[in-house]
Amino acid sequence: MDYEIKTQGKFNYIEEGEGEPLVLLHGLFGALSNFSHMIEYFRQYNKVVIPMLPLYDLNILETSVGGLAKFVHKFIEARGYQNIHLLGNSLGGHVALVYLLKHPEAPVKSLILTGSSGLFENGMGETYPKRGDYEYIRKKAELTFYDPKIATKELVDEMFEIVNNRLKVIKIITLAKSAIRHNLGDELKDIQQPTLLIWGRNDTVTPPMVGEEFQKLIPNSELEFIDKCGHAPMMEVPDEFNKILHAFLERLKTQPTA
């Protein structure tokens, strides 16, 4: 489905449905298509919001996890959202964590992480492939999923276009290095929000032990594993992912607020 991309100042975003905002942050190679199943399902219950993260548009000094977290902070302030459920996949989870740690007063009711960086991740590898190596990119895309067929030609083409654009590659490498440097292990104890961790049992980018470590370090957190699933559960097993998330959001409604 095509969604209207709305604009407010320098922010481009999608906003579908009504209710408490469910704000979705995509990862390094993320696209709107990653969240299409979520939009369709949760727009019945929530205001589903996806800001377009400026992965390639920040100046080089701001091209970092912290720079993206600052962008999210300004976006949420500009839109005036309250009672937000903030979800991040991969780098998007890392950005969500840094935003919450820097802004403990943020109007965020719950946090949902899936395949999040911030503790440990296997990236694209130590070096970037020679430009033009389509087969290498296809194999890397397939490794993201338990079922390699999820890495459609369209998805591989999107990644291939990015790594063949010199400026985009520089920004991607800069962000990836920033994520590796910005380890949050010592800070996660300060996350106050109820947190749901949804992890693919077969995630090779942020393996299951990463989900377990997040659960150990984030005080009010719960961990759900999905079998036969890789790094992007909301794409690979959307029905199961949506069911787990919906049950969590429903439980929050019955809990007294602090």
Protein backbone atom coordinates (compact mmCIF):
# COMPACT_ATOMS: atom_id res chain seq x y z
CA MET A 1 0.00 0.00 0.00
CA ASP A 2 1.10 3.55 -0.64
CA TYR A 3 0.90 5.96 2.28
CA GLU A 4 0.84 9.73 2.19
CA ILE A 5 4.17 11.18 3.26
CA LYS A 6 3.40 14.23 5.35
CA THR A 7 5.72 17.16 5.93
CA GLN A 8 6.12 19.53 8.84
CA GLY A 9 9.13 21.82 8.58
CA LYS A 10 12.15 19.61 7.92
CA PHE A 11 10.32 16.44 9.01
CA ASN A 12 8.83 13.91 6.60
CA TYR A 13 6.72 11.19 8.14
CA ILE A 14 3.79 8.82 7.76
CA GLU A 15 0.88 9.00 10.18
CA GLU A 16 -2.00 6.54 9.91
CA GLY A 17 -4.86 5.79 12.31
CA GLU A 18 -5.93 7.22 15.67
CA GLY A 19 -5.09 6.51 19.30
CA GLU A 20 -1.89 6.45 21.32
CA PRO A 21 1.06 7.02 18.97
CA LEU A 22 3.09 3.98 17.97
CA VAL A 23 6.30 5.54 16.63
CA LEU A 24 8.45 3.23 14.49
CA LEU A 25 12.18 3.81 13.91
CA HIS A 26 13.81 1.91 11.05
CA GLY A 27 17.35 0.61 10.80
CA LEU A 28 20.39 1.37 8.66
CA PHE A 29 19.00 -0.11 5.45
CA GLY A 30 15.45 0.43 6.61
CA ALA A 31 12.55 1.43 4.41
CA LEU A 32 8.83 1.96 4.85
CA SER A 33 8.20 -1.46 3.36
CA ASN A 34 9.76 -2.96 6.52
CA PHE A 35 6.72 -1.83 8.48
CA SER A 36 3.87 -2.29 5.99
CA HIS A 37 2.27 -5.19 7.91
CA MET A 38 2.51 -3.24 11.16
CA ILE A 39 0.92 -0.13 9.68
CA GLU A 40 -2.03 -2.10 8.33
CA TYR A 41 -2.58 -3.98 11.60
CA PHE A 42 -1.97 -1.29 14.22
CA ARG A 43 -3.69 1.62 12.44
CA GLN A 44 -6.91 0.01 13.74
CA TYR A 45 -5.80 0.64 17.34
CA ASN A 46 -3.09 3.32 17.34
CA LYS A 47 -1.80 6.34 15.52
CA VAL A 48 1.08 4.68 13.63
CA VAL A 49 3.90 7.13 12.96
CA ILE A 50 7.09 6.58 10.95
CA PRO A 51 9.51 9.50 10.77
CA MET A 52 11.95 9.32 7.84
CA LEU A 53 15.28 9.25 9.62
CA PRO A 54 17.83 11.49 7.84
CA LEU A 55 20.47 8.77 7.49
CA TYR A 56 22.09 10.52 4.53
CA ASP A 57 21.17 14.14 5.21
CA LEU A 58 22.89 15.06 8.48
CA ASN A 59 26.25 16.79 8.29
CA ILE A 60 29.12 14.40 8.89
CA LEU A 61 29.64 15.52 12.51
CA GLU A 62 25.97 14.83 13.30
CA THR A 63 25.95 11.52 11.42
CA SER A 64 25.84 9.37 14.53
CA VAL A 65 23.41 7.51 16.76
CA GLY A 66 23.33 10.64 18.96
CA GLY A 67 22.59 12.87 15.96
CA LEU A 68 19.65 10.67 14.96
CA ALA A 69 18.39 10.61 18.57
CA LYS A 70 18.46 14.43 18.56
CA PHE A 71 16.42 14.40 15.34
CA VAL A 72 13.82 12.05 16.94
CA HIS A 73 13.60 14.34 19.98
CA LYS A 74 12.93 17.39 17.78
CA PHE A 75 10.39 15.48 15.71
CA ILE A 76 8.42 14.30 18.76
CA GLU A 77 8.48 17.82 20.22
CA ALA A 78 7.33 19.35 16.92
CA ARG A 79 4.42 16.90 16.63
CA GLY A 80 3.44 17.19 20.31
CA TYR A 81 2.79 13.47 20.76
CA GLN A 82 1.98 12.11 24.23
CA ASN A 83 1.80 8.54 25.63
CA ILE A 84 4.08 7.23 22.90
CA HIS A 85 4.92 3.58 22.34
CA LEU A 86 8.38 3.79 20.76
CA LEU A 87 9.57 0.88 18.64
CA GLY A 88 12.99 0.51 17.04
CA ASN A 89 14.45 -2.19 14.81
CA SER A 90 18.23 -2.63 14.58
CA LEU A 91 19.86 0.83 14.52
CA GLY A 92 16.39 2.32 15.14
CA GLY A 93 16.32 0.55 18.53
CA HIS A 94 19.71 2.02 19.40
CA VAL A 95 18.43 5.50 18.46
CA ALA A 96 15.32 4.99 20.65
CA LEU A 97 17.50 3.99 23.62
CA VAL A 98 19.84 6.98 23.28
CA TYR A 99 16.85 9.32 22.94
CA LEU A 100 15.27 7.96 26.15
CA LEU A 101 18.54 8.04 28.09
CA LYS A 102 19.14 11.67 27.09
CA HIS A 103 15.49 12.66 27.70
CA PRO A 104 14.13 10.73 30.70
CA GLU A 105 11.22 13.20 30.75
CA ALA A 106 10.17 12.17 27.21
CA PRO A 107 6.43 11.43 26.74
CA VAL A 108 7.17 7.74 26.10
CA LYS A 109 4.90 5.18 27.74
CA SER A 110 6.66 2.02 26.54
CA LEU A 111 9.68 0.88 24.56
CA ILE A 112 9.79 -2.00 22.08
CA LEU A 113 13.12 -3.24 20.72
CA THR A 114 13.58 -5.84 18.00
CA GLY A 115 17.06 -6.86 16.84
CA SER A 116 18.40 -3.67 18.41
CA SER A 117 22.01 -2.60 18.29
CA GLY A 118 23.49 -0.89 21.34
CA LEU A 119 25.26 -3.84 22.92
CA PHE A 120 26.68 -5.98 20.13
CA GLU A 121 26.01 -6.44 16.45
CA ASN A 122 27.55 -8.15 13.43
CA GLY A 123 27.58 -5.50 10.73
CA MET A 124 28.07 -5.69 6.97
CA GLY A 125 31.57 -6.94 7.68
CA GLU A 126 34.87 -5.20 8.29
CA THR A 127 35.07 -3.78 4.79
CA TYR A 128 32.49 -2.68 2.30
CA PRO A 129 32.22 -4.70 -0.90
CA LYS A 130 33.61 -3.46 -4.15
CA ARG A 131 30.97 -1.33 -5.77
CA GLY A 132 29.04 -3.33 -8.28
CA ASP A 133 29.21 -6.65 -6.41
CA TYR A 134 25.47 -7.45 -6.57
CA GLU A 135 25.92 -11.08 -5.51
CA TYR A 136 27.70 -10.05 -2.30
CA ILE A 137 24.87 -7.65 -1.41
CA ARG A 138 22.25 -10.30 -2.17
CA LYS A 139 23.95 -12.77 0.19
CA LYS A 140 24.24 -10.12 2.92
CA ALA A 141 20.55 -9.27 2.54
CA GLU A 142 19.60 -12.96 2.77
CA LEU A 143 21.61 -13.34 6.00
CA THR A 144 19.27 -10.80 7.61
CA PHE A 145 16.47 -13.37 7.51
CA TYR A 146 15.94 -16.98 8.50
CA ASP A 147 14.14 -17.52 5.19
CA PRO A 148 16.37 -16.07 2.43
CA LYS A 149 13.34 -15.66 0.15
CA ILE A 150 12.28 -12.65 2.26
CA ALA A 151 15.23 -10.81 0.66
CA THR A 152 13.28 -10.00 -2.50
CA LYS A 153 14.90 -8.57 -5.61
CA GLU A 154 13.30 -5.23 -4.75
CA LEU A 155 14.95 -5.25 -1.30
CA VAL A 156 18.36 -6.26 -2.70
CA ASP A 157 18.07 -3.59 -5.41
CA GLU A 158 17.44 -0.94 -2.72
CA MET A 159 20.55 -2.03 -0.79
CA PHE A 160 22.60 -2.24 -3.99
CA GLU A 161 21.62 1.32 -4.93
CA ILE A 162 22.74 2.56 -1.49
CA VAL A 163 26.16 0.89 -1.53
CA ASN A 164 26.80 2.14 -5.05
CA ASN A 165 26.24 5.74 -4.02
CA ARG A 166 29.57 6.98 -2.65
CA LEU A 167 28.07 9.63 -0.35
CA LYS A 168 25.48 7.21 1.06
CA VAL A 169 28.17 4.60 1.71
CA ILE A 170 30.25 7.13 3.66
CA LYS A 171 27.21 7.99 5.81
CA ILE A 172 26.31 4.30 6.32
CA ILE A 173 29.86 3.43 7.42
CA THR A 174 29.97 6.47 9.73
CA LEU A 175 26.65 5.46 11.36
CA ALA A 176 27.70 1.82 11.68
CA LYS A 177 30.96 2.82 13.37
CA SER A 178 29.08 5.21 15.67
CA ALA A 179 26.74 2.37 16.70
CA ILE A 180 29.67 0.06 17.50
CA ARG A 181 31.42 2.77 19.55
CA HIS A 182 28.27 3.82 21.40
CA ASN A 183 27.83 0.80 23.68
CA LEU A 184 25.00 1.32 26.18
CA GLY A 185 25.74 -1.53 28.59
CA ASP A 186 26.41 0.72 31.58
CA GLU A 187 23.41 3.01 30.98
CA LEU A 188 20.51 0.63 30.34
CA LYS A 189 19.69 0.40 34.06
CA ASP A 190 18.34 3.97 33.72
CA ILE A 191 15.59 3.05 31.25
CA GLN A 192 12.34 3.53 33.18
CA GLN A 193 9.70 2.51 30.65
CA PRO A 194 8.13 -0.96 30.46
CA THR A 195 10.13 -2.59 27.67
CA LEU A 196 9.26 -5.42 25.31
CA LEU A 197 12.10 -7.22 23.50
CA ILE A 198 11.01 -9.25 20.46
CA TRP A 199 13.88 -11.29 19.06
CA GLY A 200 14.32 -13.75 16.21
CA ARG A 201 15.73 -16.99 17.55
CA ASN A 202 17.86 -17.20 14.37
CA ASP A 203 19.07 -13.59 14.30
CA THR A 204 22.71 -13.60 13.14
CA VAL A 205 23.16 -9.80 13.26
CA THR A 206 22.16 -9.35 16.92
CA PRO A 207 22.11 -12.97 18.12
CA PRO A 208 19.69 -14.24 20.80
CA MET A 209 22.26 -13.68 23.58
CA VAL A 210 22.00 -9.95 22.78
CA GLY A 211 18.26 -10.01 23.53
CA GLU A 212 18.99 -11.88 26.76
CA GLU A 213 21.60 -9.28 27.75
CA PHE A 214 19.16 -6.43 27.07
CA GLN A 215 16.59 -8.15 29.29
CA LYS A 216 19.16 -8.52 32.06
CA LEU A 217 20.18 -4.85 31.88
CA ILE A 218 16.85 -3.06 31.32
CA PRO A 219 14.94 -3.14 34.64
CA ASN A 220 11.29 -3.46 33.58
CA SER A 221 11.72 -5.63 30.48
CA GLU A 222 10.36 -8.85 29.05
CA LEU A 223 11.80 -10.95 26.22
CA GLU A 224 9.87 -12.91 23.59
CA PHE A 225 11.69 -15.14 21.11
CA ILE A 226 10.24 -16.12 17.74
CA ASP A 227 11.49 -19.38 16.22
CA LYS A 228 12.62 -19.63 12.58
CA CYS A 229 13.08 -15.88 12.44
CA GLY A 230 16.04 -13.58 11.79
CA HIS A 231 16.90 -9.92 12.38
CA ALA A 232 13.63 -8.28 11.24
CA PRO A 233 10.70 -10.18 12.83
CA MET A 234 8.13 -7.55 11.82
CA MET A 235 8.94 -8.37 8.16
CA GLU A 236 9.58 -12.09 8.39
CA VAL A 237 6.81 -13.25 10.74
CA PRO A 238 4.48 -10.22 10.86
CA ASP A 239 1.42 -12.03 12.22
CA GLU A 240 3.28 -13.47 15.20
CA PHE A 241 5.14 -10.20 15.78
CA ASN A 242 1.91 -8.15 15.75
CA LYS A 243 0.19 -10.60 18.10
CA ILE A 244 3.01 -10.38 20.68
CA LEU A 245 3.16 -6.57 20.46
CA HIS A 246 -0.63 -6.14 20.61
CA ALA A 247 -0.87 -8.31 23.74
CA PHE A 248 1.86 -6.20 25.39
CA LEU A 249 0.10 -2.91 24.54
CA GLU A 250 -3.23 -4.26 25.80
CA ARG A 251 -1.62 -5.32 29.11
CA LEU A 252 -0.23 -1.81 29.56
CA LYS A 253 -3.77 -0.39 29.41
CA THR A 254 -4.72 -2.36 32.50
CA GLN A 255 -1.64 -1.43 34.52
CA PRO A 256 -1.92 1.58 36.85
CA THR A 257 0.29 4.46 35.77
CA ALA A 258 3.03 5.46 38.15
